[in-house]
Amino acid sequence: MSQAVGNTALAYARVWHHVDASDRILGKLAERIALVLMGKHKPIYDPSVDCGDYVIVTNARSVKVTGRKEEQVLFRKHSMFPGGLKETPYSDMMRKNPDEVIRHAVSGMLPKNKLRERRLERLKVFPSYNMGVLGGNILRSWDDGTLPPDWDPRVPTTTMTLKQNWRFPVTDKKADA
């Protein structure tokens, strides 16, 4: 007799989430992304099982930090040779490689175990609103669970088209009555 109850394959199915990072605080954004990558929002969460979802982050160039972190934060990497320490200020990193800033913050929020790299592979970060072909994986509006009325998988999806398509007209019930 099977021990599985219900549709377990459906419970482990991965969903694509879209996050617009415009004017969001980096730490709070990274924390929420890490929870989704780990799968803690699902009732089947187990720390030893990789059951998280995909996350697409757009507008990484316009993420904000609080306090004086913009002047104080340094990103460090070392080549493992003597004198091989490279330090990059936050402002330079945001100008050159804004997706790496979010990736580094989310990496720090994930548990330090063997699942960390696999979870980070499911994080897709884009510096502007255009998310390319991957935007076709974001299928539905989480407000009411429906597809946009003019959804076409061949049309590239961007943050702007998602905002336009997911604003459904609200009918006034008093006017209809």
C-alpha atoms as a PDB file:
ATOM      1  CA  MET A   1       0.000   0.000   0.000  1.00  0.00           C
ATOM      2  CA  SER A   2       1.297   3.430  -0.892  1.00  0.00           C
ATOM      3  CA  GLN A   3       2.089   5.948   1.813  1.00  0.00           C
ATOM      4  CA  ALA A   4       1.560   8.946  -0.490  1.00  0.00           C
ATOM      5  CA  VAL A   5      -1.577  10.962   0.111  1.00  0.00           C
ATOM      6  CA  GLY A   6      -2.942  13.197  -2.630  1.00  0.00           C
ATOM      7  CA  ASN A   7      -1.096  14.516  -5.664  1.00  0.00           C
ATOM      8  CA  THR A   8       2.465  14.658  -4.350  1.00  0.00           C
ATOM      9  CA  ALA A   9       3.900  15.272  -7.815  1.00  0.00           C
ATOM     10  CA  LEU A  10       1.745  18.363  -8.072  1.00  0.00           C
ATOM     11  CA  ALA A  11       2.905  19.531  -4.653  1.00  0.00           C
ATOM     12  CA  TYR A  12       6.555  19.303  -5.758  1.00  0.00           C
ATOM     13  CA  ALA A  13       5.921  21.097  -9.065  1.00  0.00           C
ATOM     14  CA  ARG A  14       7.972  24.260  -9.477  1.00  0.00           C
ATOM     15  CA  VAL A  15       6.212  27.568 -10.112  1.00  0.00           C
ATOM     16  CA  TRP A  16       7.797  30.671 -11.636  1.00  0.00           C
ATOM     17  CA  HIS A  17       7.501  33.824  -9.520  1.00  0.00           C
ATOM     18  CA  HIS A  18       8.121  37.343 -10.808  1.00  0.00           C
ATOM     19  CA  VAL A  19       9.541  40.097  -8.575  1.00  0.00           C
ATOM     20  CA  ASP A  20       9.879  43.725  -9.626  1.00  0.00           C
ATOM     21  CA  ALA A  21      12.791  45.179  -7.624  1.00  0.00           C
ATOM     22  CA  SER A  22      11.973  48.817  -8.370  1.00  0.00           C
ATOM     23  CA  ASP A  23      12.464  50.876  -5.186  1.00  0.00           C
ATOM     24  CA  ARG A  24      12.544  47.750  -2.990  1.00  0.00           C
ATOM     25  CA  ILE A  25      14.941  47.415  -0.040  1.00  0.00           C
ATOM     26  CA  LEU A  26      17.717  44.932  -0.879  1.00  0.00           C
ATOM     27  CA  GLY A  27      17.748  42.988   2.397  1.00  0.00           C
ATOM     28  CA  LYS A  28      13.991  42.532   2.648  1.00  0.00           C
ATOM     29  CA  LEU A  29      13.793  41.569  -1.019  1.00  0.00           C
ATOM     30  CA  ALA A  30      16.611  39.026  -0.654  1.00  0.00           C
ATOM     31  CA  GLU A  31      14.951  37.470   2.377  1.00  0.00           C
ATOM     32  CA  ARG A  32      11.642  36.907   0.562  1.00  0.00           C
ATOM     33  CA  ILE A  33      13.415  35.515  -2.513  1.00  0.00           C
ATOM     34  CA  ALA A  34      15.424  33.104  -0.349  1.00  0.00           C
ATOM     35  CA  LEU A  35      12.231  31.779   1.273  1.00  0.00           C
ATOM     36  CA  VAL A  36      10.711  31.040  -2.138  1.00  0.00           C
ATOM     37  CA  LEU A  37      13.926  29.427  -3.438  1.00  0.00           C
ATOM     38  CA  MET A  38      14.000  27.140  -0.377  1.00  0.00           C
ATOM     39  CA  GLY A  39      10.296  26.301  -0.661  1.00  0.00           C
ATOM     40  CA  LYS A  40       9.345  27.466   2.830  1.00  0.00           C
ATOM     41  CA  HIS A  41       6.093  28.889   1.487  1.00  0.00           C
ATOM     42  CA  LYS A  42       4.889  25.359   0.643  1.00  0.00           C
ATOM     43  CA  PRO A  43       3.222  22.995   3.117  1.00  0.00           C
ATOM     44  CA  ILE A  44       5.554  20.173   2.014  1.00  0.00           C
ATOM     45  CA  TYR A  45       8.745  22.012   3.042  1.00  0.00           C
ATOM     46  CA  ASP A  46      11.580  19.818   4.289  1.00  0.00           C
ATOM     47  CA  PRO A  47      15.059  21.286   4.936  1.00  0.00           C
ATOM     48  CA  SER A  48      16.767  18.315   3.304  1.00  0.00           C
ATOM     49  CA  VAL A  49      14.680  18.388   0.101  1.00  0.00           C
ATOM     50  CA  ASP A  50      15.034  20.947  -2.663  1.00  0.00           C
ATOM     51  CA  CYS A  51      11.357  21.818  -3.223  1.00  0.00           C
ATOM     52  CA  GLY A  52      11.628  25.564  -3.960  1.00  0.00           C
ATOM     53  CA  ASP A  53      10.378  27.496  -6.963  1.00  0.00           C
ATOM     54  CA  TYR A  54      11.950  29.648  -9.668  1.00  0.00           C
ATOM     55  CA  VAL A  55      12.256  33.406  -9.137  1.00  0.00           C
ATOM     56  CA  ILE A  56      12.678  36.046 -11.854  1.00  0.00           C
ATOM     57  CA  VAL A  57      13.817  39.466 -10.621  1.00  0.00           C
ATOM     58  CA  THR A  58      13.545  42.467 -12.945  1.00  0.00           C
ATOM     59  CA  ASN A  59      14.717  46.075 -12.554  1.00  0.00           C
ATOM     60  CA  ALA A  60      17.699  45.051 -10.419  1.00  0.00           C
ATOM     61  CA  ARG A  61      19.357  48.354 -11.287  1.00  0.00           C
ATOM     62  CA  SER A  62      16.818  50.300  -9.214  1.00  0.00           C
ATOM     63  CA  VAL A  63      17.023  48.354  -5.923  1.00  0.00           C
ATOM     64  CA  LYS A  64      17.627  50.508  -2.827  1.00  0.00           C
ATOM     65  CA  VAL A  65      19.663  50.133   0.364  1.00  0.00           C
ATOM     66  CA  THR A  66      19.080  51.927   3.655  1.00  0.00           C
ATOM     67  CA  GLY A  67      21.398  54.040   5.726  1.00  0.00           C
ATOM     68  CA  ARG A  68      24.934  54.684   4.492  1.00  0.00           C
ATOM     69  CA  LYS A  69      25.378  51.217   2.979  1.00  0.00           C
ATOM     70  CA  GLU A  70      25.737  52.743  -0.477  1.00  0.00           C
ATOM     71  CA  GLU A  71      29.057  54.312   0.603  1.00  0.00           C
ATOM     72  CA  GLN A  72      30.190  51.662   3.104  1.00  0.00           C
ATOM     73  CA  VAL A  73      29.505  48.232   1.544  1.00  0.00           C
ATOM     74  CA  LEU A  74      32.423  46.566  -0.245  1.00  0.00           C
ATOM     75  CA  PHE A  75      32.239  43.389  -2.320  1.00  0.00           C
ATOM     76  CA  ARG A  76      35.409  41.357  -1.813  1.00  0.00           C
ATOM     77  CA  LYS A  77      36.901  38.507  -3.822  1.00  0.00           C
ATOM     78  CA  HIS A  78      40.324  36.925  -3.657  1.00  0.00           C
ATOM     79  CA  SER A  79      42.345  35.191  -6.371  1.00  0.00           C
ATOM     80  CA  MET A  80      44.135  33.064  -3.712  1.00  0.00           C
ATOM     81  CA  PHE A  81      47.482  34.538  -4.745  1.00  0.00           C
ATOM     82  CA  PRO A  82      49.394  36.907  -2.432  1.00  0.00           C
ATOM     83  CA  GLY A  83      48.007  40.411  -2.835  1.00  0.00           C
ATOM     84  CA  GLY A  84      45.032  39.091  -4.833  1.00  0.00           C
ATOM     85  CA  LEU A  85      42.266  40.791  -2.837  1.00  0.00           C
ATOM     86  CA  LYS A  86      39.902  42.811  -5.025  1.00  0.00           C
ATOM     87  CA  GLU A  87      37.414  45.174  -3.394  1.00  0.00           C
ATOM     88  CA  THR A  88      34.557  46.730  -5.345  1.00  0.00           C
ATOM     89  CA  PRO A  89      32.373  49.469  -3.796  1.00  0.00           C
ATOM     90  CA  TYR A  90      28.595  49.063  -3.879  1.00  0.00           C
ATOM     91  CA  SER A  91      28.099  51.982  -6.266  1.00  0.00           C
ATOM     92  CA  ASP A  92      30.554  50.534  -8.826  1.00  0.00           C
ATOM     93  CA  MET A  93      28.974  47.092  -8.556  1.00  0.00           C
ATOM     94  CA  MET A  94      25.499  48.547  -9.125  1.00  0.00           C
ATOM     95  CA  ARG A  95      26.735  50.356 -12.222  1.00  0.00           C
ATOM     96  CA  LYS A  96      28.645  47.383 -13.714  1.00  0.00           C
ATOM     97  CA  ASN A  97      26.812  44.289 -12.514  1.00  0.00           C
ATOM     98  CA  PRO A  98      23.540  44.977 -10.605  1.00  0.00           C
ATOM     99  CA  ASP A  99      22.355  41.385 -10.867  1.00  0.00           C
ATOM    100  CA  GLU A 100      25.370  40.213  -8.877  1.00  0.00           C
ATOM    101  CA  VAL A 101      24.371  42.465  -5.959  1.00  0.00           C
ATOM    102  CA  ILE A 102      20.997  40.725  -5.599  1.00  0.00           C
ATOM    103  CA  ARG A 103      22.528  37.292  -6.182  1.00  0.00           C
ATOM    104  CA  HIS A 104      25.117  37.940  -3.439  1.00  0.00           C
ATOM    105  CA  ALA A 105      22.439  39.123  -0.994  1.00  0.00           C
ATOM    106  CA  VAL A 106      20.206  36.109  -1.660  1.00  0.00           C
ATOM    107  CA  SER A 107      23.182  33.761  -1.367  1.00  0.00           C
ATOM    108  CA  GLY A 108      23.874  35.138   2.086  1.00  0.00           C
ATOM    109  CA  MET A 109      20.273  34.436   3.128  1.00  0.00           C
ATOM    110  CA  LEU A 110      20.312  30.785   2.001  1.00  0.00           C
ATOM    111  CA  PRO A 111      21.539  27.993   4.286  1.00  0.00           C
ATOM    112  CA  LYS A 112      25.201  27.118   3.837  1.00  0.00           C
ATOM    113  CA  ASN A 113      24.796  23.533   2.632  1.00  0.00           C
ATOM    114  CA  LYS A 114      25.010  21.441  -0.535  1.00  0.00           C
ATOM    115  CA  LEU A 115      21.637  22.644  -1.822  1.00  0.00           C
ATOM    116  CA  ARG A 116      22.709  26.301  -1.929  1.00  0.00           C
ATOM    117  CA  GLU A 117      24.165  26.340  -5.462  1.00  0.00           C
ATOM    118  CA  ARG A 118      21.248  24.367  -6.885  1.00  0.00           C
ATOM    119  CA  ARG A 119      18.807  26.842  -5.348  1.00  0.00           C
ATOM    120  CA  LEU A 120      20.751  29.828  -6.683  1.00  0.00           C
ATOM    121  CA  GLU A 121      20.560  28.359 -10.210  1.00  0.00           C
ATOM    122  CA  ARG A 122      16.796  28.901 -10.062  1.00  0.00           C
ATOM    123  CA  LEU A 123      17.268  32.638  -9.461  1.00  0.00           C
ATOM    124  CA  LYS A 124      17.195  34.704 -12.666  1.00  0.00           C
ATOM    125  CA  VAL A 125      18.069  38.401 -12.282  1.00  0.00           C
ATOM    126  CA  PHE A 126      17.724  41.045 -15.001  1.00  0.00           C
ATOM    127  CA  PRO A 127      18.990  44.643 -14.694  1.00  0.00           C
ATOM    128  CA  SER A 128      16.045  46.195 -16.572  1.00  0.00           C
ATOM    129  CA  TYR A 129      12.376  45.403 -17.086  1.00  0.00           C
ATOM    130  CA  ASN A 130      12.963  43.037 -20.047  1.00  0.00           C
ATOM    131  CA  MET A 131      13.170  39.400 -18.951  1.00  0.00           C
ATOM    132  CA  GLY A 132      13.541  37.841 -22.386  1.00  0.00           C
ATOM    133  CA  VAL A 133      12.234  34.385 -23.166  1.00  0.00           C
ATOM    134  CA  LEU A 134      11.885  33.422 -19.503  1.00  0.00           C
ATOM    135  CA  GLY A 135       8.923  35.780 -19.140  1.00  0.00           C
ATOM    136  CA  GLY A 136       6.784  33.221 -20.936  1.00  0.00           C
ATOM    137  CA  ASN A 137       7.042  30.933 -17.916  1.00  0.00           C
ATOM    138  CA  ILE A 138       5.097  33.383 -15.746  1.00  0.00           C
ATOM    139  CA  LEU A 139       1.649  32.325 -16.741  1.00  0.00           C
ATOM    140  CA  ARG A 140      -0.948  33.695 -14.427  1.00  0.00           C
ATOM    141  CA  SER A 141      -1.929  36.480 -12.135  1.00  0.00           C
ATOM    142  CA  TRP A 142      -1.833  35.454  -8.492  1.00  0.00           C
ATOM    143  CA  ASP A 143      -4.684  37.835  -7.683  1.00  0.00           C
ATOM    144  CA  ASP A 144      -7.430  35.734  -9.195  1.00  0.00           C
ATOM    145  CA  GLY A 145      -5.604  32.716 -10.684  1.00  0.00           C
ATOM    146  CA  THR A 146      -6.351  33.429 -14.345  1.00  0.00           C
ATOM    147  CA  LEU A 147      -4.317  33.922 -17.467  1.00  0.00           C
ATOM    148  CA  PRO A 148      -4.158  37.433 -18.920  1.00  0.00           C
ATOM    149  CA  PRO A 149      -6.915  37.953 -21.518  1.00  0.00           C
ATOM    150  CA  ASP A 150      -4.523  38.436 -24.453  1.00  0.00           C
ATOM    151  CA  TRP A 151      -1.756  36.025 -23.347  1.00  0.00           C
ATOM    152  CA  ASP A 152       0.361  34.743 -26.226  1.00  0.00           C
ATOM    153  CA  PRO A 153       3.429  32.546 -25.561  1.00  0.00           C
ATOM    154  CA  ARG A 154       5.212  33.901 -28.660  1.00  0.00           C
ATOM    155  CA  VAL A 155       5.234  37.516 -27.433  1.00  0.00           C
ATOM    156  CA  PRO A 156       8.158  38.357 -25.128  1.00  0.00           C
ATOM    157  CA  THR A 157       7.045  39.228 -21.626  1.00  0.00           C
ATOM    158  CA  THR A 158       8.399  42.233 -19.769  1.00  0.00           C
ATOM    159  CA  THR A 159       7.526  43.907 -16.498  1.00  0.00           C
ATOM    160  CA  MET A 160       5.592  46.533 -18.442  1.00  0.00           C
ATOM    161  CA  THR A 161       3.457  43.990 -20.321  1.00  0.00           C
ATOM    162  CA  LEU A 162       2.734  42.114 -17.096  1.00  0.00           C
ATOM    163  CA  LYS A 163       1.481  45.299 -15.454  1.00  0.00           C
ATOM    164  CA  GLN A 164      -0.707  46.112 -18.469  1.00  0.00           C
ATOM    165  CA  ASN A 165      -2.140  42.610 -18.861  1.00  0.00           C
ATOM    166  CA  TRP A 166      -2.883  41.988 -15.194  1.00  0.00           C
ATOM    167  CA  ARG A 167      -5.009  45.075 -14.690  1.00  0.00           C
ATOM    168  CA  PHE A 168      -8.380  43.509 -15.300  1.00  0.00           C
ATOM    169  CA  PRO A 169     -11.361  45.823 -15.593  1.00  0.00           C
ATOM    170  CA  VAL A 170     -13.428  45.757 -12.424  1.00  0.00           C
ATOM    171  CA  THR A 171     -17.153  45.852 -13.056  1.00  0.00           C
ATOM    172  CA  ASP A 172     -19.259  47.881 -10.685  1.00  0.00           C
ATOM    173  CA  LYS A 173     -21.961  45.579  -9.330  1.00  0.00           C
ATOM    174  CA  LYS A 174     -24.126  48.525  -8.285  1.00  0.00           C
ATOM    175  CA  ALA A 175     -24.226  49.827 -11.866  1.00  0.00           C
ATOM    176  CA  ASP A 176     -25.236  46.391 -13.178  1.00  0.00           C
ATOM    177  CA  ALA A 177     -28.102  45.998 -10.717  1.00  0.00           C
END
